[in-house]
PDB file of N, CA and C in Angstrom:
ATOM      1  N   UNK A   1      12.942  21.195   0.558  1.00  0.00           N
ATOM      2  CA  UNK A   1      12.819  19.834   1.066  1.00  0.00           C
ATOM      3  C   UNK A   1      14.140  19.107   0.881  1.00  0.00           C
ATOM      4  N   UNK A   2      14.644  18.613   1.983  1.00  0.00           N
ATOM      5  CA  UNK A   2      15.913  17.858   1.910  1.00  0.00           C
ATOM      6  C   UNK A   2      15.600  16.473   1.365  1.00  0.00           C
ATOM      7  N   UNK A   3      16.479  15.939   0.527  1.00  0.00           N
ATOM      8  CA  UNK A   3      16.227  14.631  -0.068  1.00  0.00           C
ATOM      9  C   UNK A   3      16.442  13.525   0.960  1.00  0.00           C
ATOM     10  N   UNK A   4      15.484  12.656   1.036  1.00  0.00           N
ATOM     11  CA  UNK A   4      15.585  11.423   1.859  1.00  0.00           C
ATOM     12  C   UNK A   4      15.281  10.281   0.928  1.00  0.00           C
ATOM     13  N   UNK A   5      16.203   9.383   0.760  1.00  0.00           N
ATOM     14  CA  UNK A   5      15.992   8.248  -0.080  1.00  0.00           C
ATOM     15  C   UNK A   5      14.808   7.428   0.346  1.00  0.00           C
ATOM     16  N   UNK A   6      13.910   7.167  -0.585  1.00  0.00           N
ATOM     17  CA  UNK A   6      12.706   6.434  -0.253  1.00  0.00           C
ATOM     18  C   UNK A   6      13.063   5.022   0.262  1.00  0.00           C
ATOM     19  N   UNK A   7      14.177   4.472  -0.170  1.00  0.00           N
ATOM     20  CA  UNK A   7      14.595   3.142   0.242  1.00  0.00           C
ATOM     21  C   UNK A   7      14.870   3.075   1.765  1.00  0.00           C
ATOM     22  N   UNK A   8      15.082   4.221   2.377  1.00  0.00           N
ATOM     23  CA  UNK A   8      15.316   4.250   3.856  1.00  0.00           C
ATOM     24  C   UNK A   8      14.044   4.318   4.655  1.00  0.00           C
ATOM     25  N   UNK A   9      12.926   4.522   3.972  1.00  0.00           N
ATOM     26  CA  UNK A   9      11.653   4.675   4.693  1.00  0.00           C
ATOM     27  C   UNK A   9      11.072   3.312   5.094  1.00  0.00           C
ATOM     28  N   UNK A  10      10.787   3.157   6.359  1.00  0.00           N
ATOM     29  CA  UNK A  10      10.191   1.888   6.823  1.00  0.00           C
ATOM     30  C   UNK A  10       8.868   1.630   6.119  1.00  0.00           C
ATOM     31  N   UNK A  11       8.087   2.645   5.874  1.00  0.00           N
ATOM     32  CA  UNK A  11       6.780   2.469   5.249  1.00  0.00           C
ATOM     33  C   UNK A  11       6.937   1.963   3.799  1.00  0.00           C
ATOM     34  N   UNK A  12       7.937   2.445   3.097  1.00  0.00           N
ATOM     35  CA  UNK A  12       8.191   1.944   1.747  1.00  0.00           C
ATOM     36  C   UNK A  12       8.608   0.469   1.756  1.00  0.00           C
ATOM     37  N   UNK A  13       9.495   0.112   2.681  1.00  0.00           N
ATOM     38  CA  UNK A  13       9.940  -1.278   2.773  1.00  0.00           C
ATOM     39  C   UNK A  13       8.771  -2.192   3.160  1.00  0.00           C
ATOM     40  N   UNK A  14       7.951  -1.730   4.084  1.00  0.00           N
ATOM     41  CA  UNK A  14       6.804  -2.533   4.467  1.00  0.00           C
ATOM     42  C   UNK A  14       5.803  -2.672   3.291  1.00  0.00           C
ATOM     43  N   UNK A  15       5.589  -1.619   2.528  1.00  0.00           N
ATOM     44  CA  UNK A  15       4.715  -1.657   1.379  1.00  0.00           C
ATOM     45  C   UNK A  15       5.255  -2.591   0.291  1.00  0.00           C
ATOM     46  N   UNK A  16       6.568  -2.603   0.100  1.00  0.00           N
ATOM     47  CA  UNK A  16       7.175  -3.522  -0.875  1.00  0.00           C
ATOM     48  C   UNK A  16       6.970  -4.970  -0.475  1.00  0.00           C
ATOM     49  N   UNK A  17       7.215  -5.256   0.825  1.00  0.00           N
ATOM     50  CA  UNK A  17       7.031  -6.620   1.327  1.00  0.00           C
ATOM     51  C   UNK A  17       5.552  -7.061   1.140  1.00  0.00           C
ATOM     52  N   UNK A  18       4.659  -6.151   1.423  1.00  0.00           N
ATOM     53  CA  UNK A  18       3.246  -6.450   1.273  1.00  0.00           C
ATOM     54  C   UNK A  18       2.903  -6.775  -0.181  1.00  0.00           C
ATOM     55  N   UNK A  19       3.454  -6.021  -1.114  1.00  0.00           N
ATOM     56  CA  UNK A  19       3.147  -6.247  -2.552  1.00  0.00           C
ATOM     57  C   UNK A  19       3.597  -7.653  -2.932  1.00  0.00           C
ATOM     58  N   UNK A  20       4.775  -8.048  -2.484  1.00  0.00           N
ATOM     59  CA  UNK A  20       5.291  -9.378  -2.827  1.00  0.00           C
ATOM     60  C   UNK A  20       4.348 -10.438  -2.199  1.00  0.00           C
ATOM     61  N   UNK A  21       3.968 -10.215  -0.965  1.00  0.00           N
ATOM     62  CA  UNK A  21       3.045 -11.163  -0.271  1.00  0.00           C
ATOM     63  C   UNK A  21       1.700 -11.280  -0.957  1.00  0.00           C
ATOM     64  N   UNK A  22       1.201 -10.165  -1.474  1.00  0.00           N
ATOM     65  CA  UNK A  22      -0.093 -10.197  -2.187  1.00  0.00           C
ATOM     66  C   UNK A  22       0.032 -11.049  -3.438  1.00  0.00           C
ATOM     67  N   UNK A  23       1.121 -10.852  -4.176  1.00  0.00           N
ATOM     68  CA  UNK A  23       1.353 -11.724  -5.324  1.00  0.00           C
ATOM     69  C   UNK A  23       1.421 -13.185  -4.942  1.00  0.00           C
ATOM     70  N   UNK A  24       2.058 -13.507  -3.848  1.00  0.00           N
ATOM     71  CA  UNK A  24       2.163 -14.900  -3.399  1.00  0.00           C
ATOM     72  C   UNK A  24       0.837 -15.436  -2.946  1.00  0.00           C
ATOM     73  N   UNK A  25       0.069 -14.660  -2.200  1.00  0.00           N
ATOM     74  CA  UNK A  25      -1.267 -15.094  -1.726  1.00  0.00           C
ATOM     75  C   UNK A  25      -2.177 -15.377  -2.921  1.00  0.00           C
ATOM     76  N   UNK A  26      -2.093 -14.573  -3.939  1.00  0.00           N
ATOM     77  CA  UNK A  26      -3.008 -14.696  -5.063  1.00  0.00           C
ATOM     78  C   UNK A  26      -2.482 -15.545  -6.228  1.00  0.00           C
ATOM     79  N   UNK A  27      -1.344 -16.198  -6.029  1.00  0.00           N
ATOM     80  CA  UNK A  27      -0.708 -16.903  -7.136  1.00  0.00           C
ATOM     81  C   UNK A  27      -1.637 -17.969  -7.751  1.00  0.00           C
ATOM     82  N   UNK A  28      -2.483 -18.595  -7.002  1.00  0.00           N
ATOM     83  CA  UNK A  28      -3.385 -19.660  -7.535  1.00  0.00           C
ATOM     84  C   UNK A  28      -4.821 -19.144  -7.742  1.00  0.00           C
ATOM     85  N   UNK A  29      -5.055 -17.874  -7.527  1.00  0.00           N
ATOM     86  CA  UNK A  29      -6.392 -17.293  -7.602  1.00  0.00           C
ATOM     87  C   UNK A  29      -6.850 -17.316  -9.093  1.00  0.00           C
ATOM     88  N   UNK A  30      -8.088 -17.814  -9.287  1.00  0.00           N
ATOM     89  CA  UNK A  30      -8.659 -17.907 -10.644  1.00  0.00           C
ATOM     90  C   UNK A  30      -9.550 -16.699 -10.968  1.00  0.00           C
ATOM     91  N   UNK A  31      -9.816 -15.877  -9.977  1.00  0.00           N
ATOM     92  CA  UNK A  31     -10.578 -14.650 -10.236  1.00  0.00           C
ATOM     93  C   UNK A  31      -9.572 -13.581 -10.739  1.00  0.00           C
ATOM     94  N   UNK A  32      -9.341 -13.615 -12.038  1.00  0.00           N
ATOM     95  CA  UNK A  32      -8.262 -12.799 -12.617  1.00  0.00           C
ATOM     96  C   UNK A  32      -8.500 -11.309 -12.498  1.00  0.00           C
ATOM     97  N   UNK A  33      -9.793 -10.884 -12.540  1.00  0.00           N
ATOM     98  CA  UNK A  33     -10.042  -9.455 -12.412  1.00  0.00           C
ATOM     99  C   UNK A  33      -9.702  -8.943 -11.052  1.00  0.00           C
ATOM    100  N   UNK A  34     -10.161  -9.622  -9.998  1.00  0.00           N
ATOM    101  CA  UNK A  34      -9.842  -9.181  -8.646  1.00  0.00           C
ATOM    102  C   UNK A  34      -8.363  -9.325  -8.362  1.00  0.00           C
ATOM    103  N   UNK A  35      -7.744 -10.407  -8.814  1.00  0.00           N
ATOM    104  CA  UNK A  35      -6.307 -10.651  -8.679  1.00  0.00           C
ATOM    105  C   UNK A  35      -5.520  -9.519  -9.257  1.00  0.00           C
ATOM    106  N   UNK A  36      -5.835  -9.121 -10.503  1.00  0.00           N
ATOM    107  CA  UNK A  36      -5.101  -8.013 -11.149  1.00  0.00           C
ATOM    108  C   UNK A  36      -5.319  -6.691 -10.392  1.00  0.00           C
ATOM    109  N   UNK A  37      -6.545  -6.460  -9.957  1.00  0.00           N
ATOM    110  CA  UNK A  37      -6.818  -5.223  -9.236  1.00  0.00           C
ATOM    111  C   UNK A  37      -6.064  -5.177  -7.931  1.00  0.00           C
ATOM    112  N   UNK A  38      -6.017  -6.265  -7.218  1.00  0.00           N
ATOM    113  CA  UNK A  38      -5.309  -6.313  -5.920  1.00  0.00           C
ATOM    114  C   UNK A  38      -3.818  -6.183  -6.131  1.00  0.00           C
ATOM    115  N   UNK A  39      -3.279  -6.832  -7.150  1.00  0.00           N
ATOM    116  CA  UNK A  39      -1.849  -6.730  -7.411  1.00  0.00           C
ATOM    117  C   UNK A  39      -1.519  -5.264  -7.766  1.00  0.00           C
ATOM    118  N   UNK A  40      -2.334  -4.672  -8.635  1.00  0.00           N
ATOM    119  CA  UNK A  40      -2.060  -3.261  -8.996  1.00  0.00           C
ATOM    120  C   UNK A  40      -2.116  -2.331  -7.795  1.00  0.00           C
ATOM    121  N   UNK A  41      -3.118  -2.489  -6.946  1.00  0.00           N
ATOM    122  CA  UNK A  41      -3.245  -1.621  -5.765  1.00  0.00           C
ATOM    123  C   UNK A  41      -2.035  -1.823  -4.836  1.00  0.00           C
ATOM    124  N   UNK A  42      -1.595  -3.088  -4.665  1.00  0.00           N
ATOM    125  CA  UNK A  42      -0.478  -3.326  -3.750  1.00  0.00           C
ATOM    126  C   UNK A  42       0.824  -2.669  -4.322  1.00  0.00           C
ATOM    127  N   UNK A  43       1.017  -2.779  -5.603  1.00  0.00           N
ATOM    128  CA  UNK A  43       2.204  -2.166  -6.209  1.00  0.00           C
ATOM    129  C   UNK A  43       2.141  -0.642  -6.131  1.00  0.00           C
ATOM    130  N   UNK A  44       0.920  -0.142  -6.248  1.00  0.00           N
ATOM    131  CA  UNK A  44       0.731   1.332  -6.229  1.00  0.00           C
ATOM    132  C   UNK A  44       1.164   1.966  -4.940  1.00  0.00           C
ATOM    133  N   UNK A  45       0.987   1.287  -3.851  1.00  0.00           N
ATOM    134  CA  UNK A  45       1.341   1.875  -2.542  1.00  0.00           C
ATOM    135  C   UNK A  45       2.809   2.240  -2.505  1.00  0.00           C
ATOM    136  N   UNK A  46       3.692   1.236  -2.707  1.00  0.00           N
ATOM    137  CA  UNK A  46       5.144   1.453  -2.660  1.00  0.00           C
ATOM    138  C   UNK A  46       5.598   2.365  -3.790  1.00  0.00           C
ATOM    139  N   UNK A  47       4.997   2.207  -4.971  1.00  0.00           N
ATOM    140  CA  UNK A  47       5.427   3.015  -6.136  1.00  0.00           C
ATOM    141  C   UNK A  47       5.150   4.477  -5.921  1.00  0.00           C
ATOM    142  N   UNK A  48       3.980   4.809  -5.337  1.00  0.00           N
ATOM    143  CA  UNK A  48       3.662   6.202  -5.117  1.00  0.00           C
ATOM    144  C   UNK A  48       4.513   6.822  -4.010  1.00  0.00           C
ATOM    145  N   UNK A  49       4.898   6.041  -3.005  1.00  0.00           N
ATOM    146  CA  UNK A  49       5.799   6.549  -1.988  1.00  0.00           C
ATOM    147  C   UNK A  49       7.126   6.927  -2.656  1.00  0.00           C
ATOM    148  N   UNK A  50       7.628   6.044  -3.491  1.00  0.00           N
ATOM    149  CA  UNK A  50       8.894   6.269  -4.200  1.00  0.00           C
ATOM    150  C   UNK A  50       8.785   7.463  -5.131  1.00  0.00           C
ATOM    151  N   UNK A  51       7.709   7.522  -5.933  1.00  0.00           N
ATOM    152  CA  UNK A  51       7.603   8.610  -6.861  1.00  0.00           C
ATOM    153  C   UNK A  51       7.470   9.959  -6.154  1.00  0.00           C
ATOM    154  N   UNK A  52       6.740   9.994  -5.084  1.00  0.00           N
ATOM    155  CA  UNK A  52       6.611  11.258  -4.323  1.00  0.00           C
ATOM    156  C   UNK A  52       7.942  11.729  -3.729  1.00  0.00           C
ATOM    157  N   UNK A  53       8.740  10.727  -3.293  1.00  0.00           N
ATOM    158  CA  UNK A  53      10.058  11.087  -2.704  1.00  0.00           C
ATOM    159  C   UNK A  53      10.991  11.690  -3.728  1.00  0.00           C
ATOM    160  N   UNK A  54      10.828  11.314  -4.965  1.00  0.00           N
ATOM    161  CA  UNK A  54      11.711  11.807  -6.036  1.00  0.00           C
ATOM    162  C   UNK A  54      11.205  13.157  -6.576  1.00  0.00           C
ATOM    163  N   UNK A  55      10.056  13.638  -6.147  1.00  0.00           N
ATOM    164  CA  UNK A  55       9.591  14.956  -6.571  1.00  0.00           C
ATOM    165  C   UNK A  55      10.340  16.024  -5.861  1.00  0.00           C
ATOM    166  N   UNK A  56      10.320  17.208  -6.392  1.00  0.00           N
ATOM    167  CA  UNK A  56      11.165  18.276  -5.834  1.00  0.00           C
ATOM    168  C   UNK A  56      10.435  19.198  -4.858  1.00  0.00           C
ATOM    169  N   UNK A  57       9.193  18.956  -4.591  1.00  0.00           N
ATOM    170  CA  UNK A  57       8.467  19.839  -3.674  1.00  0.00           C
ATOM    171  C   UNK A  57       7.724  19.033  -2.648  1.00  0.00           C
ATOM    172  N   UNK A  58       7.570  19.631  -1.477  1.00  0.00           N
ATOM    173  CA  UNK A  58       6.793  18.993  -0.441  1.00  0.00           C
ATOM    174  C   UNK A  58       5.353  18.793  -0.816  1.00  0.00           C
ATOM    175  N   UNK A  59       4.664  19.769  -1.427  1.00  0.00           N
ATOM    176  CA  UNK A  59       3.280  19.525  -1.828  1.00  0.00           C
ATOM    177  C   UNK A  59       3.099  18.317  -2.769  1.00  0.00           C
ATOM    178  N   UNK A  60       4.060  18.170  -3.688  1.00  0.00           N
ATOM    179  CA  UNK A  60       3.955  17.000  -4.606  1.00  0.00           C
ATOM    180  C   UNK A  60       4.194  15.696  -3.843  1.00  0.00           C
ATOM    181  N   UNK A  61       5.154  15.690  -2.930  1.00  0.00           N
ATOM    182  CA  UNK A  61       5.441  14.500  -2.133  1.00  0.00           C
ATOM    183  C   UNK A  61       4.168  14.152  -1.318  1.00  0.00           C
ATOM    184  N   UNK A  62       3.586  15.125  -0.681  1.00  0.00           N
ATOM    185  CA  UNK A  62       2.363  14.878   0.099  1.00  0.00           C
ATOM    186  C   UNK A  62       1.247  14.301  -0.788  1.00  0.00           C
ATOM    187  N   UNK A  63       1.141  14.862  -1.992  1.00  0.00           N
ATOM    188  CA  UNK A  63       0.084  14.391  -2.931  1.00  0.00           C
ATOM    189  C   UNK A  63       0.287  12.920  -3.204  1.00  0.00           C
ATOM    190  N   UNK A  64       1.521  12.472  -3.488  1.00  0.00           N
ATOM    191  CA  UNK A  64       1.773  11.071  -3.804  1.00  0.00           C
ATOM    192  C   UNK A  64       1.637  10.189  -2.577  1.00  0.00           C
ATOM    193  N   UNK A  65       1.943  10.724  -1.391  1.00  0.00           N
ATOM    194  CA  UNK A  65       1.712   9.947  -0.157  1.00  0.00           C
ATOM    195  C   UNK A  65       0.227   9.724   0.024  1.00  0.00           C
ATOM    196  N   UNK A  66      -0.581  10.713  -0.285  1.00  0.00           N
ATOM    197  CA  UNK A  66      -2.034  10.605  -0.187  1.00  0.00           C
ATOM    198  C   UNK A  66      -2.557   9.574  -1.192  1.00  0.00           C
ATOM    199  N   UNK A  67      -2.021   9.571  -2.372  1.00  0.00           N
ATOM    200  CA  UNK A  67      -2.392   8.567  -3.390  1.00  0.00           C
ATOM    201  C   UNK A  67      -2.042   7.145  -2.873  1.00  0.00           C
ATOM    202  N   UNK A  68      -0.852   7.026  -2.263  1.00  0.00           N
ATOM    203  CA  UNK A  68      -0.425   5.735  -1.673  1.00  0.00           C
ATOM    204  C   UNK A  68      -1.420   5.317  -0.583  1.00  0.00           C
ATOM    205  N   UNK A  69      -1.825   6.252   0.231  1.00  0.00           N
ATOM    206  CA  UNK A  69      -2.770   5.973   1.290  1.00  0.00           C
ATOM    207  C   UNK A  69      -4.108   5.522   0.745  1.00  0.00           C
ATOM    208  N   UNK A  70      -4.540   6.145  -0.365  1.00  0.00           N
ATOM    209  CA  UNK A  70      -5.751   5.762  -1.045  1.00  0.00           C
ATOM    210  C   UNK A  70      -5.649   4.343  -1.598  1.00  0.00           C
ATOM    211  N   UNK A  71      -4.513   4.012  -2.153  1.00  0.00           N
ATOM    212  CA  UNK A  71      -4.281   2.640  -2.664  1.00  0.00           C
ATOM    213  C   UNK A  71      -4.325   1.603  -1.541  1.00  0.00           C
ATOM    214  N   UNK A  72      -3.827   1.991  -0.364  1.00  0.00           N
ATOM    215  CA  UNK A  72      -3.878   1.109   0.776  1.00  0.00           C
ATOM    216  C   UNK A  72      -5.321   0.860   1.199  1.00  0.00           C
ATOM    217  N   UNK A  73      -6.139   1.877   1.174  1.00  0.00           N
ATOM    218  CA  UNK A  73      -7.560   1.724   1.474  1.00  0.00           C
ATOM    219  C   UNK A  73      -8.270   0.861   0.425  1.00  0.00           C
ATOM    220  N   UNK A  74      -7.893   1.056  -0.808  1.00  0.00           N
ATOM    221  CA  UNK A  74      -8.443   0.277  -1.923  1.00  0.00           C
ATOM    222  C   UNK A  74      -8.138  -1.224  -1.688  1.00  0.00           C
ATOM    223  N   UNK A  75      -6.881  -1.515  -1.432  1.00  0.00           N
ATOM    224  CA  UNK A  75      -6.454  -2.877  -1.213  1.00  0.00           C
ATOM    225  C   UNK A  75      -7.122  -3.503   0.016  1.00  0.00           C
ATOM    226  N   UNK A  76      -7.266  -2.694   1.056  1.00  0.00           N
ATOM    227  CA  UNK A  76      -7.953  -3.180   2.270  1.00  0.00           C
ATOM    228  C   UNK A  76      -9.391  -3.578   1.931  1.00  0.00           C
ATOM    229  N   UNK A  77     -10.041  -2.760   1.126  1.00  0.00           N
ATOM    230  CA  UNK A  77     -11.425  -3.061   0.730  1.00  0.00           C
ATOM    231  C   UNK A  77     -11.475  -4.370  -0.088  1.00  0.00           C
ATOM    232  N   UNK A  78     -10.486  -4.563  -0.939  1.00  0.00           N
ATOM    233  CA  UNK A  78     -10.426  -5.749  -1.800  1.00  0.00           C
ATOM    234  C   UNK A  78     -10.204  -6.993  -0.942  1.00  0.00           C
ATOM    235  N   UNK A  79      -9.400  -6.868   0.110  1.00  0.00           N
ATOM    236  CA  UNK A  79      -9.217  -7.990   1.030  1.00  0.00           C
ATOM    237  C   UNK A  79     -10.546  -8.346   1.717  1.00  0.00           C
ATOM    238  N   UNK A  80     -11.283  -7.306   2.148  1.00  0.00           N
ATOM    239  CA  UNK A  80     -12.595  -7.591   2.780  1.00  0.00           C
ATOM    240  C   UNK A  80     -13.463  -8.368   1.798  1.00  0.00           C
ATOM    241  N   UNK A  81     -13.532  -7.903   0.550  1.00  0.00           N
ATOM    242  CA  UNK A  81     -14.350  -8.554  -0.435  1.00  0.00           C
ATOM    243  C   UNK A  81     -13.889  -9.981  -0.745  1.00  0.00           C
ATOM    244  N   UNK A  82     -12.563 -10.142  -0.943  1.00  0.00           N
ATOM    245  CA  UNK A  82     -12.013 -11.471  -1.229  1.00  0.00           C
ATOM    246  C   UNK A  82     -12.312 -12.429  -0.088  1.00  0.00           C
ATOM    247  N   UNK A  83     -12.270 -11.939   1.137  1.00  0.00           N
ATOM    248  CA  UNK A  83     -12.603 -12.774   2.276  1.00  0.00           C
ATOM    249  C   UNK A  83     -14.066 -13.164   2.256  1.00  0.00           C
ATOM    250  N   UNK A  84     -14.948 -12.198   2.012  1.00  0.00           N
ATOM    251  CA  UNK A  84     -16.405 -12.472   2.019  1.00  0.00           C
ATOM    252  C   UNK A  84     -16.811 -13.464   0.947  1.00  0.00           C
ATOM    253  N   UNK A  85     -16.126 -13.444  -0.212  1.00  0.00           N
ATOM    254  CA  UNK A  85     -16.490 -14.344  -1.296  1.00  0.00           C
ATOM    255  C   UNK A  85     -15.696 -15.661  -1.264  1.00  0.00           C
ATOM    256  N   UNK A  86     -14.899 -15.808  -0.251  1.00  0.00           N
ATOM    257  CA  UNK A  86     -14.199 -17.052  -0.014  1.00  0.00           C
ATOM    258  C   UNK A  86     -12.945 -17.278  -0.874  1.00  0.00           C
ATOM    259  N   UNK A  87     -12.383 -16.212  -1.416  1.00  0.00           N
ATOM    260  CA  UNK A  87     -11.156 -16.321  -2.220  1.00  0.00           C
ATOM    261  C   UNK A  87      -9.896 -16.444  -1.395  1.00  0.00           C
ATOM    262  N   UNK A  88      -9.930 -15.860  -0.195  1.00  0.00           N
ATOM    263  CA  UNK A  88      -8.762 -15.814   0.652  1.00  0.00           C
ATOM    264  C   UNK A  88      -9.112 -16.279   2.047  1.00  0.00           C
ATOM    265  N   UNK A  89      -8.195 -17.019   2.657  1.00  0.00           N
ATOM    266  CA  UNK A  89      -8.372 -17.493   4.007  1.00  0.00           C
ATOM    267  C   UNK A  89      -8.640 -16.290   4.949  1.00  0.00           C
ATOM    268  N   UNK A  90      -9.671 -16.346   5.775  1.00  0.00           N
ATOM    269  CA  UNK A  90     -10.011 -15.219   6.648  1.00  0.00           C
ATOM    270  C   UNK A  90      -8.863 -14.773   7.564  1.00  0.00           C
ATOM    271  N   UNK A  91      -8.055 -15.723   8.035  1.00  0.00           N
ATOM    272  CA  UNK A  91      -6.926 -15.326   8.922  1.00  0.00           C
ATOM    273  C   UNK A  91      -5.905 -14.512   8.119  1.00  0.00           C
ATOM    274  N   UNK A  92      -5.643 -14.893   6.877  1.00  0.00           N
ATOM    275  CA  UNK A  92      -4.692 -14.122   6.043  1.00  0.00           C
ATOM    276  C   UNK A  92      -5.259 -12.760   5.721  1.00  0.00           C
ATOM    277  N   UNK A  93      -6.567 -12.683   5.368  1.00  0.00           N
ATOM    278  CA  UNK A  93      -7.193 -11.399   5.089  1.00  0.00           C
ATOM    279  C   UNK A  93      -7.093 -10.470   6.299  1.00  0.00           C
ATOM    280  N   UNK A  94      -7.415 -11.004   7.431  1.00  0.00           N
ATOM    281  CA  UNK A  94      -7.363 -10.219   8.660  1.00  0.00           C
ATOM    282  C   UNK A  94      -5.977  -9.681   8.928  1.00  0.00           C
ATOM    283  N   UNK A  95      -4.960 -10.481   8.742  1.00  0.00           N
ATOM    284  CA  UNK A  95      -3.578 -10.063   8.959  1.00  0.00           C
ATOM    285  C   UNK A  95      -3.178  -8.968   7.982  1.00  0.00           C
ATOM    286  N   UNK A  96      -3.541  -9.144   6.708  1.00  0.00           N
ATOM    287  CA  UNK A  96      -3.204  -8.126   5.688  1.00  0.00           C
ATOM    288  C   UNK A  96      -3.970  -6.841   5.918  1.00  0.00           C
ATOM    289  N   UNK A  97      -5.203  -6.945   6.311  1.00  0.00           N
ATOM    290  CA  UNK A  97      -5.986  -5.709   6.602  1.00  0.00           C
ATOM    291  C   UNK A  97      -5.325  -4.951   7.744  1.00  0.00           C
ATOM    292  N   UNK A  98      -4.855  -5.631   8.787  1.00  0.00           N
ATOM    293  CA  UNK A  98      -4.184  -4.966   9.875  1.00  0.00           C
ATOM    294  C   UNK A  98      -2.882  -4.302   9.379  1.00  0.00           C
ATOM    295  N   UNK A  99      -2.107  -5.031   8.565  1.00  0.00           N
ATOM    296  CA  UNK A  99      -0.871  -4.430   8.005  1.00  0.00           C
ATOM    297  C   UNK A  99      -1.181  -3.190   7.178  1.00  0.00           C
ATOM    298  N   UNK A 100      -2.266  -3.211   6.426  1.00  0.00           N
ATOM    299  CA  UNK A 100      -2.619  -2.088   5.608  1.00  0.00           C
ATOM    300  C   UNK A 100      -3.072  -0.881   6.498  1.00  0.00           C
ATOM    301  N   UNK A 101      -3.697  -1.154   7.589  1.00  0.00           N
ATOM    302  CA  UNK A 101      -4.081  -0.095   8.526  1.00  0.00           C
ATOM    303  C   UNK A 101      -2.803   0.535   9.084  1.00  0.00           C
ATOM    304  N   UNK A 102      -1.772  -0.286   9.387  1.00  0.00           N
ATOM    305  CA  UNK A 102      -0.550   0.221   9.899  1.00  0.00           C
ATOM    306  C   UNK A 102       0.197   1.041   8.841  1.00  0.00           C
ATOM    307  N   UNK A 103       0.182   0.594   7.618  1.00  0.00           N
ATOM    308  CA  UNK A 103       0.807   1.338   6.513  1.00  0.00           C
ATOM    309  C   UNK A 103       0.106   2.690   6.365  1.00  0.00           C
ATOM    310  N   UNK A 104      -1.224   2.687   6.376  1.00  0.00           N
ATOM    311  CA  UNK A 104      -1.997   3.965   6.299  1.00  0.00           C
ATOM    312  C   UNK A 104      -1.610   4.895   7.395  1.00  0.00           C
ATOM    313  N   UNK A 105      -1.508   4.385   8.638  1.00  0.00           N
ATOM    314  CA  UNK A 105      -1.151   5.240   9.760  1.00  0.00           C
ATOM    315  C   UNK A 105       0.278   5.824   9.571  1.00  0.00           C
ATOM    316  N   UNK A 106       1.194   4.948   9.097  1.00  0.00           N
ATOM    317  CA  UNK A 106       2.549   5.420   8.848  1.00  0.00           C
ATOM    318  C   UNK A 106       2.600   6.523   7.773  1.00  0.00           C
ATOM    319  N   UNK A 107       1.779   6.303   6.746  1.00  0.00           N
ATOM    320  CA  UNK A 107       1.738   7.344   5.660  1.00  0.00           C
ATOM    321  C   UNK A 107       1.160   8.618   6.225  1.00  0.00           C
ATOM    322  N   UNK A 108       0.120   8.537   7.047  1.00  0.00           N
ATOM    323  CA  UNK A 108      -0.450   9.740   7.632  1.00  0.00           C
ATOM    324  C   UNK A 108       0.541  10.439   8.535  1.00  0.00           C
ATOM    325  N   UNK A 109       1.331   9.694   9.272  1.00  0.00           N
ATOM    326  CA  UNK A 109       2.372  10.257  10.109  1.00  0.00           C
ATOM    327  C   UNK A 109       3.433  10.999   9.293  1.00  0.00           C
ATOM    328  N   UNK A 110       3.791  10.404   8.166  1.00  0.00           N
ATOM    329  CA  UNK A 110       4.753  11.044   7.264  1.00  0.00           C
ATOM    330  C   UNK A 110       4.159  12.335   6.688  1.00  0.00           C
ATOM    331  N   UNK A 111       2.903  12.284   6.272  1.00  0.00           N
ATOM    332  CA  UNK A 111       2.228  13.485   5.775  1.00  0.00           C
ATOM    333  C   UNK A 111       2.197  14.564   6.841  1.00  0.00           C
ATOM    334  N   UNK A 112       1.832  14.218   8.077  1.00  0.00           N
ATOM    335  CA  UNK A 112       1.780  15.177   9.188  1.00  0.00           C
ATOM    336  C   UNK A 112       3.133  15.754   9.497  1.00  0.00           C
ATOM    337  N   UNK A 113       4.191  14.992   9.285  1.00  0.00           N
ATOM    338  CA  UNK A 113       5.543  15.495   9.586  1.00  0.00           C
ATOM    339  C   UNK A 113       5.914  16.626   8.647  1.00  0.00           C
ATOM    340  N   UNK A 114       5.387  16.630   7.445  1.00  0.00           N
ATOM    341  CA  UNK A 114       5.665  17.700   6.508  1.00  0.00           C
ATOM    342  C   UNK A 114       4.814  18.946   6.781  1.00  0.00           C
ATOM    343  N   UNK A 115       3.681  18.761   7.415  1.00  0.00           N
ATOM    344  CA  UNK A 115       2.770  19.857   7.656  1.00  0.00           C
ATOM    345  C   UNK A 115       3.152  20.662   8.903  1.00  0.00           C
ATOM    346  N   UNK A 116       3.997  20.091   9.818  1.00  0.00           N
ATOM    347  CA  UNK A 116       4.318  20.817  11.046  1.00  0.00           C
ATOM    348  C   UNK A 116       5.429  21.798  10.844  1.00  0.00           C
TER     349      UNK A 116
END
C-alpha cells in the first residue's frame, strides 16, 4: 500500500468540518448524554479515517474505514433522534443527515477503490 496522507483526503476534511459543526450545533444543548454521544461519534469518523491511513496494510485501512462508516451511521441516527425530540432544528438535522450520507458514500468509494 502506497502511503497517502490522510490530510489530503476530501472525506477526512469533510469529516473534520462536520465534527466542528456538531460541537457548535450542540454548544447550548442541555441533554448531556446525547450531546457527548454525538460529539464522540462525530470525532470518531475523522479519527478512524486518519488511524486507518497510518496503518501499514490495506486490510487494516479498510477495517478503520468501515468503523468510520459505522460512526457516520451512528451519528445520522442520533440526528434523527435529536430532531424527533426537538433538540435540534429540523432544517439543521436534515442538512447534517445529508452530509453524513455523502461521507458514508465517500467512505464506501474509498473502500471499493482498495478492493479493485
